[in-house]
Amino acid sequence: QVQLVESGGGLVQPGGSLRLSCAASGSRFTPNIMGWNRQAPGKERELVATITGGGRINYADSVKGRFTISRDNAKKTVYLQMNNLKPEDTAVYYCYGQLFGMDHWGEGTLVTVSS
């Protein structure tokens, strides 16, 4: 069973930056696809970004040019660098990992963008 633990959320002013991290454990294998989704209050969960083990990346249009996803396969960790944050980025951010066709989720970390 894969466990995903997020860290790095918090309160930031508009225009600020945060870096989220998510470490996978519980399996000697590293999830092939890792990424981030988010859920804002009163809204459905949405894709933010994904990255494959080979480095193929996909971003939601709303974060392109502001967010950067990366991963360290040796550490089984995926990162999300978030720059120029906007109030509409406020959400709980969930780490995601897919291993052998099974989806795994972290418990989420809250990001609040407010002045």
C-alpha atoms as a PDB file:
ATOM      1  CA  GLN A   1       0.000   0.000   0.000  1.00  0.00           C
ATOM      2  CA  VAL A   2       1.417   3.368  -1.042  1.00  0.00           C
ATOM      3  CA  GLN A   3       1.248   6.245   1.414  1.00  0.00           C
ATOM      4  CA  LEU A   4       1.580   9.833   0.212  1.00  0.00           C
ATOM      5  CA  VAL A   5       2.383  12.607   2.678  1.00  0.00           C
ATOM      6  CA  GLU A   6       2.178  16.252   1.645  1.00  0.00           C
ATOM      7  CA  SER A   7       3.906  19.217   3.221  1.00  0.00           C
ATOM      8  CA  GLY A   8       4.483  22.883   2.513  1.00  0.00           C
ATOM      9  CA  GLY A   9       1.029  24.413   2.583  1.00  0.00           C
ATOM     10  CA  GLY A  10       0.204  27.599   4.433  1.00  0.00           C
ATOM     11  CA  LEU A  11      -0.900  31.202   4.189  1.00  0.00           C
ATOM     12  CA  VAL A  12       0.658  33.460   1.576  1.00  0.00           C
ATOM     13  CA  GLN A  13      -0.117  36.880   0.185  1.00  0.00           C
ATOM     14  CA  PRO A  14      -1.185  37.346  -3.435  1.00  0.00           C
ATOM     15  CA  GLY A  15       1.871  37.335  -5.669  1.00  0.00           C
ATOM     16  CA  GLY A  16       3.789  35.179  -3.231  1.00  0.00           C
ATOM     17  CA  SER A  17       5.252  31.706  -3.608  1.00  0.00           C
ATOM     18  CA  LEU A  18       4.989  28.323  -1.917  1.00  0.00           C
ATOM     19  CA  ARG A  19       6.586  24.952  -2.549  1.00  0.00           C
ATOM     20  CA  LEU A  20       4.650  21.779  -1.874  1.00  0.00           C
ATOM     21  CA  SER A  21       6.306  18.420  -1.394  1.00  0.00           C
ATOM     22  CA  CYS A  22       4.875  14.910  -1.411  1.00  0.00           C
ATOM     23  CA  ALA A  23       6.813  11.841  -0.371  1.00  0.00           C
ATOM     24  CA  ALA A  24       5.718   8.307  -1.269  1.00  0.00           C
ATOM     25  CA  SER A  25       6.370   5.357   1.013  1.00  0.00           C
ATOM     26  CA  GLY A  26       5.112   1.846   1.685  1.00  0.00           C
ATOM     27  CA  SER A  27       6.309   0.290  -1.580  1.00  0.00           C
ATOM     28  CA  ARG A  28       9.702  -0.411  -3.051  1.00  0.00           C
ATOM     29  CA  PHE A  29       8.297   0.841  -6.335  1.00  0.00           C
ATOM     30  CA  THR A  30       7.858   4.504  -7.234  1.00  0.00           C
ATOM     31  CA  PRO A  31       4.509   5.601  -8.652  1.00  0.00           C
ATOM     32  CA  ASN A  32       4.859   6.128 -12.390  1.00  0.00           C
ATOM     33  CA  ILE A  33       2.488   9.061 -12.555  1.00  0.00           C
ATOM     34  CA  MET A  34       2.605  11.572  -9.705  1.00  0.00           C
ATOM     35  CA  GLY A  35       0.933  14.899  -9.432  1.00  0.00           C
ATOM     36  CA  TRP A  36      -1.321  17.336  -7.696  1.00  0.00           C
ATOM     37  CA  ASN A  37      -5.035  18.024  -7.664  1.00  0.00           C
ATOM     38  CA  ARG A  38      -6.809  20.688  -5.671  1.00  0.00           C
ATOM     39  CA  GLN A  39     -10.254  21.353  -4.286  1.00  0.00           C
ATOM     40  CA  ALA A  40     -11.451  24.840  -3.490  1.00  0.00           C
ATOM     41  CA  PRO A  41     -14.357  25.460  -1.090  1.00  0.00           C
ATOM     42  CA  GLY A  42     -17.640  24.605  -2.782  1.00  0.00           C
ATOM     43  CA  LYS A  43     -15.964  23.339  -5.941  1.00  0.00           C
ATOM     44  CA  GLU A  44     -15.057  19.988  -7.409  1.00  0.00           C
ATOM     45  CA  ARG A  45     -11.550  18.580  -7.244  1.00  0.00           C
ATOM     46  CA  GLU A  46      -9.512  19.552 -10.297  1.00  0.00           C
ATOM     47  CA  LEU A  47      -6.223  18.574 -11.859  1.00  0.00           C
ATOM     48  CA  VAL A  48      -3.305  20.928 -11.251  1.00  0.00           C
ATOM     49  CA  ALA A  49      -0.302  19.109 -12.728  1.00  0.00           C
ATOM     50  CA  THR A  50       1.080  15.638 -13.349  1.00  0.00           C
ATOM     51  CA  ILE A  51       4.502  14.236 -14.162  1.00  0.00           C
ATOM     52  CA  THR A  52       5.462  10.761 -15.320  1.00  0.00           C
ATOM     53  CA  GLY A  53       8.565   8.834 -14.333  1.00  0.00           C
ATOM     54  CA  GLY A  54       9.998   9.756 -17.720  1.00  0.00           C
ATOM     55  CA  GLY A  55       9.418  13.443 -17.115  1.00  0.00           C
ATOM     56  CA  ARG A  56       6.355  14.062 -19.255  1.00  0.00           C
ATOM     57  CA  ILE A  57       4.418  16.957 -17.720  1.00  0.00           C
ATOM     58  CA  ASN A  58       0.869  18.201 -17.933  1.00  0.00           C
ATOM     59  CA  TYR A  59      -0.538  21.405 -16.412  1.00  0.00           C
ATOM     60  CA  ALA A  60      -3.996  22.837 -16.000  1.00  0.00           C
ATOM     61  CA  ASP A  61      -4.376  25.974 -18.111  1.00  0.00           C
ATOM     62  CA  SER A  62      -5.056  28.020 -14.996  1.00  0.00           C
ATOM     63  CA  VAL A  63      -1.564  27.390 -13.583  1.00  0.00           C
ATOM     64  CA  LYS A  64       0.593  27.326 -16.721  1.00  0.00           C
ATOM     65  CA  GLY A  65       3.495  29.756 -16.446  1.00  0.00           C
ATOM     66  CA  ARG A  66       3.087  30.069 -12.671  1.00  0.00           C
ATOM     67  CA  PHE A  67       3.440  26.536 -11.280  1.00  0.00           C
ATOM     68  CA  THR A  68       6.250  24.064 -11.887  1.00  0.00           C
ATOM     69  CA  ILE A  69       6.036  20.360 -11.100  1.00  0.00           C
ATOM     70  CA  SER A  70       9.143  18.232 -10.634  1.00  0.00           C
ATOM     71  CA  ARG A  71      10.097  14.922  -9.073  1.00  0.00           C
ATOM     72  CA  ASP A  72      13.056  13.190  -7.490  1.00  0.00           C
ATOM     73  CA  ASN A  73      12.685   9.486  -8.240  1.00  0.00           C
ATOM     74  CA  ALA A  74      15.461   8.512  -5.834  1.00  0.00           C
ATOM     75  CA  LYS A  75      13.546  10.185  -3.014  1.00  0.00           C
ATOM     76  CA  LYS A  76      10.130   9.116  -4.347  1.00  0.00           C
ATOM     77  CA  THR A  77       9.080  12.724  -3.987  1.00  0.00           C
ATOM     78  CA  VAL A  78       7.114  15.106  -6.183  1.00  0.00           C
ATOM     79  CA  TYR A  79       7.232  18.879  -5.803  1.00  0.00           C
ATOM     80  CA  LEU A  80       5.010  21.751  -6.846  1.00  0.00           C
ATOM     81  CA  GLN A  81       6.614  25.176  -7.003  1.00  0.00           C
ATOM     82  CA  MET A  82       3.838  27.768  -7.016  1.00  0.00           C
ATOM     83  CA  ASN A  83       4.703  31.337  -7.965  1.00  0.00           C
ATOM     84  CA  ASN A  84       2.596  34.447  -8.437  1.00  0.00           C
ATOM     85  CA  LEU A  85      -0.157  32.942  -6.343  1.00  0.00           C
ATOM     86  CA  LYS A  86      -3.663  34.311  -6.678  1.00  0.00           C
ATOM     87  CA  PRO A  87      -6.625  34.220  -4.287  1.00  0.00           C
ATOM     88  CA  GLU A  88      -8.316  31.741  -6.632  1.00  0.00           C
ATOM     89  CA  ASP A  89      -5.476  29.290  -5.972  1.00  0.00           C
ATOM     90  CA  THR A  90      -6.801  28.883  -2.431  1.00  0.00           C
ATOM     91  CA  ALA A  91      -7.638  25.212  -2.007  1.00  0.00           C
ATOM     92  CA  VAL A  92      -6.674  21.965  -0.380  1.00  0.00           C
ATOM     93  CA  TYR A  93      -3.932  20.460  -2.518  1.00  0.00           C
ATOM     94  CA  TYR A  94      -3.851  16.668  -2.789  1.00  0.00           C
ATOM     95  CA  CYS A  95      -0.879  14.631  -3.888  1.00  0.00           C
ATOM     96  CA  TYR A  96      -1.627  11.842  -6.335  1.00  0.00           C
ATOM     97  CA  GLY A  97       0.290   8.748  -7.344  1.00  0.00           C
ATOM     98  CA  GLN A  98      -0.529   5.896  -9.703  1.00  0.00           C
ATOM     99  CA  LEU A  99       1.220   2.561  -9.297  1.00  0.00           C
ATOM    100  CA  PHE A 100       0.323  -0.591 -11.231  1.00  0.00           C
ATOM    101  CA  GLY A 101      -2.947   0.984 -12.295  1.00  0.00           C
ATOM    102  CA  MET A 102      -4.053   1.859  -8.761  1.00  0.00           C
ATOM    103  CA  ASP A 103      -4.623   5.442  -7.652  1.00  0.00           C
ATOM    104  CA  HIS A 104      -3.338   6.682  -4.311  1.00  0.00           C
ATOM    105  CA  TRP A 105      -4.017  10.002  -2.602  1.00  0.00           C
ATOM    106  CA  GLY A 106      -2.533  12.008   0.210  1.00  0.00           C
ATOM    107  CA  GLU A 107      -4.661  13.625   2.895  1.00  0.00           C
ATOM    108  CA  GLY A 108      -4.128  17.106   1.505  1.00  0.00           C
ATOM    109  CA  THR A 109      -2.454  20.334   2.524  1.00  0.00           C
ATOM    110  CA  LEU A 110      -4.230  23.678   2.708  1.00  0.00           C
ATOM    111  CA  VAL A 111      -2.976  26.618   0.669  1.00  0.00           C
ATOM    112  CA  THR A 112      -4.555  29.977   1.457  1.00  0.00           C
ATOM    113  CA  VAL A 113      -3.787  33.025  -0.671  1.00  0.00           C
ATOM    114  CA  SER A 114      -5.001  36.151   1.045  1.00  0.00           C
ATOM    115  CA  SER A 115      -3.853  39.619   2.033  1.00  0.00           C
END
